């Protein structure tokens, strides 16, 4: 399995699992990233942090550390 950070720009991925605990995991889930949702990676900053994704019809920026905690297929 890959994490969201490894998904190339312009590709879609489906969330399998969110790693992490407590406030970090809750914050990610509050942004609409839950198991089974499809994420489209729109673009990445020049140094790769943050990445911009589309989830449930809206755009969202994620830090690399947060993207690494999202397991996708």
N, C-alpha and C. Protein backbone atom coordinates (compact mmCIF):
# COMPACT_ATOMS: atom_id res chain seq x y z
N UNK A 1 0.83 -1.20 0.00
CA UNK A 1 0.00 0.00 0.00
C UNK A 1 0.87 1.26 0.00
N UNK A 2 0.32 2.32 -0.55
CA UNK A 2 1.00 3.62 -0.59
C UNK A 2 0.34 4.56 0.39
N UNK A 3 1.03 5.65 0.65
CA UNK A 3 0.37 6.72 1.39
C UNK A 3 0.06 7.85 0.41
N UNK A 4 -0.74 8.77 0.83
CA UNK A 4 -1.21 9.84 -0.06
C UNK A 4 -0.06 10.68 -0.60
N UNK A 5 1.00 10.82 0.15
CA UNK A 5 2.15 11.62 -0.30
C UNK A 5 2.81 11.02 -1.54
N UNK A 6 2.72 9.70 -1.73
CA UNK A 6 3.36 9.02 -2.85
C UNK A 6 2.53 9.04 -4.13
N UNK A 7 1.29 9.50 -4.05
CA UNK A 7 0.41 9.53 -5.23
C UNK A 7 0.86 10.67 -6.14
N UNK A 8 1.11 10.39 -7.43
CA UNK A 8 1.57 11.45 -8.33
C UNK A 8 0.49 12.50 -8.61
N UNK A 9 0.93 13.71 -8.90
CA UNK A 9 0.02 14.81 -9.23
C UNK A 9 -0.80 14.42 -10.46
N UNK A 10 -2.09 14.69 -10.41
CA UNK A 10 -2.98 14.36 -11.52
C UNK A 10 -3.62 13.00 -11.40
N UNK A 11 -3.37 12.29 -10.29
CA UNK A 11 -3.92 10.95 -10.09
C UNK A 11 -4.96 10.94 -8.99
N UNK A 12 -5.78 9.89 -9.02
CA UNK A 12 -6.79 9.69 -7.98
C UNK A 12 -6.39 8.50 -7.12
N UNK A 13 -6.83 8.51 -5.88
CA UNK A 13 -6.57 7.41 -4.96
C UNK A 13 -7.76 7.27 -4.03
N UNK A 14 -7.96 6.06 -3.53
CA UNK A 14 -9.05 5.78 -2.61
C UNK A 14 -8.47 5.54 -1.22
N UNK A 15 -9.04 6.18 -0.21
CA UNK A 15 -8.54 6.04 1.16
C UNK A 15 -8.88 4.66 1.71
N UNK A 16 -7.85 3.98 2.24
CA UNK A 16 -8.03 2.67 2.84
C UNK A 16 -8.07 2.79 4.36
N UNK A 17 -7.16 3.63 4.90
CA UNK A 17 -7.04 3.74 6.35
C UNK A 17 -6.32 5.03 6.70
N UNK A 18 -6.65 5.56 7.86
CA UNK A 18 -5.95 6.74 8.38
C UNK A 18 -5.18 6.32 9.61
N UNK A 19 -3.87 6.47 9.56
CA UNK A 19 -3.02 6.13 10.69
C UNK A 19 -2.93 7.34 11.62
N UNK A 20 -2.48 7.12 12.81
CA UNK A 20 -2.35 8.22 13.75
C UNK A 20 -3.40 8.11 14.84
N UNK A 21 -3.29 8.98 15.81
CA UNK A 21 -4.20 8.92 16.94
C UNK A 21 -4.64 10.31 17.37
N UNK A 22 -5.69 10.34 18.13
CA UNK A 22 -6.14 11.56 18.78
C UNK A 22 -6.49 12.70 17.86
N UNK A 23 -5.99 13.88 18.22
CA UNK A 23 -6.37 15.12 17.54
C UNK A 23 -5.99 15.14 16.07
N UNK A 24 -4.85 14.57 15.71
CA UNK A 24 -4.41 14.58 14.31
C UNK A 24 -5.37 13.78 13.45
N UNK A 25 -5.69 12.57 13.88
CA UNK A 25 -6.61 11.72 13.12
C UNK A 25 -8.00 12.37 13.05
N UNK A 26 -8.46 12.92 14.14
CA UNK A 26 -9.78 13.58 14.20
C UNK A 26 -9.83 14.76 13.23
N UNK A 27 -8.75 15.55 13.18
CA UNK A 27 -8.70 16.72 12.30
C UNK A 27 -8.78 16.29 10.83
N UNK A 28 -8.05 15.25 10.47
CA UNK A 28 -8.08 14.74 9.09
C UNK A 28 -9.49 14.26 8.74
N UNK A 29 -10.11 13.53 9.65
CA UNK A 29 -11.47 13.04 9.40
C UNK A 29 -12.48 14.19 9.33
N UNK A 30 -12.28 15.23 10.13
CA UNK A 30 -13.18 16.39 10.09
C UNK A 30 -13.09 17.13 8.76
N UNK A 31 -11.96 17.01 8.06
CA UNK A 31 -11.80 17.65 6.76
C UNK A 31 -12.49 16.85 5.65
N UNK A 32 -13.10 15.72 5.98
CA UNK A 32 -13.82 14.92 5.00
C UNK A 32 -13.04 13.74 4.45
N UNK A 33 -11.85 13.52 4.96
CA UNK A 33 -11.03 12.39 4.50
C UNK A 33 -11.35 11.20 5.40
N UNK A 34 -12.17 10.30 4.89
CA UNK A 34 -12.57 9.12 5.63
C UNK A 34 -12.36 7.89 4.76
N UNK A 35 -12.45 6.72 5.36
CA UNK A 35 -12.26 5.46 4.65
C UNK A 35 -13.22 5.37 3.47
N UNK A 36 -12.69 5.01 2.31
CA UNK A 36 -13.51 4.82 1.11
C UNK A 36 -13.67 6.04 0.22
N UNK A 37 -13.29 7.22 0.69
CA UNK A 37 -13.46 8.43 -0.12
C UNK A 37 -12.35 8.51 -1.17
N UNK A 38 -12.69 9.07 -2.34
CA UNK A 38 -11.71 9.22 -3.41
C UNK A 38 -11.08 10.61 -3.33
N UNK A 39 -9.76 10.64 -3.47
CA UNK A 39 -9.00 11.89 -3.41
C UNK A 39 -8.27 12.09 -4.72
N UNK A 40 -8.37 13.30 -5.27
CA UNK A 40 -7.64 13.67 -6.48
C UNK A 40 -6.51 14.62 -6.09
N UNK A 41 -5.28 14.25 -6.45
CA UNK A 41 -4.12 15.08 -6.14
C UNK A 41 -3.97 16.12 -7.24
N UNK A 42 -4.24 17.39 -6.93
CA UNK A 42 -4.23 18.47 -7.92
C UNK A 42 -2.84 18.99 -8.20
N UNK A 43 -2.12 19.35 -7.16
CA UNK A 43 -0.78 19.89 -7.36
C UNK A 43 0.01 19.81 -6.06
N UNK A 44 1.33 20.01 -6.20
CA UNK A 44 2.22 19.99 -5.04
C UNK A 44 3.11 21.22 -5.10
N UNK A 45 3.47 21.73 -3.95
CA UNK A 45 4.39 22.87 -3.88
C UNK A 45 5.76 22.43 -4.41
N UNK A 46 6.61 23.36 -4.82
CA UNK A 46 7.91 23.00 -5.38
C UNK A 46 8.74 22.05 -4.52
N UNK A 47 8.69 22.20 -3.23
CA UNK A 47 9.44 21.29 -2.35
C UNK A 47 8.57 20.15 -1.83
N UNK A 48 7.35 20.04 -2.36
CA UNK A 48 6.47 18.94 -2.01
C UNK A 48 5.62 19.17 -0.76
N UNK A 49 5.71 20.34 -0.16
CA UNK A 49 4.95 20.58 1.05
C UNK A 49 4.33 21.97 0.99
N UNK A 50 3.05 22.15 0.96
CA UNK A 50 2.00 21.13 1.06
C UNK A 50 1.58 20.61 -0.31
N UNK A 51 0.66 19.63 -0.27
CA UNK A 51 0.04 19.16 -1.51
C UNK A 51 -1.41 19.63 -1.51
N UNK A 52 -1.94 19.88 -2.69
CA UNK A 52 -3.33 20.32 -2.81
C UNK A 52 -4.14 19.18 -3.40
N UNK A 53 -5.23 18.84 -2.73
CA UNK A 53 -6.08 17.74 -3.17
C UNK A 53 -7.53 18.20 -3.28
N UNK A 54 -8.32 17.42 -4.01
CA UNK A 54 -9.76 17.65 -4.07
C UNK A 54 -10.44 16.47 -3.39
N UNK A 55 -11.26 16.77 -2.39
CA UNK A 55 -11.98 15.75 -1.63
C UNK A 55 -13.44 16.17 -1.54
N UNK A 56 -14.35 15.29 -1.91
CA UNK A 56 -15.79 15.56 -1.80
C UNK A 56 -16.20 16.89 -2.45
N UNK A 57 -15.51 17.25 -3.54
CA UNK A 57 -15.88 18.44 -4.28
C UNK A 57 -15.26 19.74 -3.81
N UNK A 58 -14.39 19.70 -2.82
CA UNK A 58 -13.72 20.93 -2.42
C UNK A 58 -12.22 20.73 -2.35
N UNK A 59 -11.49 21.84 -2.40
CA UNK A 59 -10.03 21.79 -2.43
C UNK A 59 -9.47 21.93 -1.02
N UNK A 60 -8.38 21.21 -0.79
CA UNK A 60 -7.80 21.14 0.53
C UNK A 60 -6.29 21.05 0.40
N UNK A 61 -5.55 21.71 1.27
CA UNK A 61 -4.09 21.60 1.31
C UNK A 61 -3.69 20.78 2.52
N UNK A 62 -2.79 19.84 2.30
CA UNK A 62 -2.32 18.96 3.37
C UNK A 62 -0.81 19.04 3.51
N UNK A 63 -0.32 19.01 4.73
CA UNK A 63 1.12 18.92 4.96
C UNK A 63 1.59 17.52 4.62
N UNK A 64 2.89 17.40 4.32
CA UNK A 64 3.46 16.10 4.00
C UNK A 64 3.23 15.10 5.13
N UNK A 65 3.44 15.54 6.35
CA UNK A 65 3.28 14.64 7.51
C UNK A 65 1.85 14.09 7.59
N UNK A 66 0.86 14.94 7.31
CA UNK A 66 -0.53 14.48 7.33
C UNK A 66 -0.81 13.54 6.17
N UNK A 67 -0.28 13.86 4.99
CA UNK A 67 -0.48 13.01 3.81
C UNK A 67 0.13 11.62 4.01
N UNK A 68 1.23 11.55 4.72
CA UNK A 68 1.88 10.26 4.97
C UNK A 68 1.06 9.36 5.88
N UNK A 69 0.19 9.95 6.67
CA UNK A 69 -0.63 9.15 7.59
C UNK A 69 -1.91 8.61 6.94
N UNK A 70 -2.13 8.96 5.66
CA UNK A 70 -3.32 8.51 4.94
C UNK A 70 -2.92 7.40 3.98
N UNK A 71 -3.37 6.18 4.27
CA UNK A 71 -3.05 5.02 3.43
C UNK A 71 -4.08 4.93 2.30
N UNK A 72 -3.59 4.78 1.06
CA UNK A 72 -4.47 4.76 -0.11
C UNK A 72 -4.17 3.57 -1.00
N UNK A 73 -5.11 3.31 -1.93
CA UNK A 73 -4.89 2.29 -2.95
C UNK A 73 -5.22 2.85 -4.31
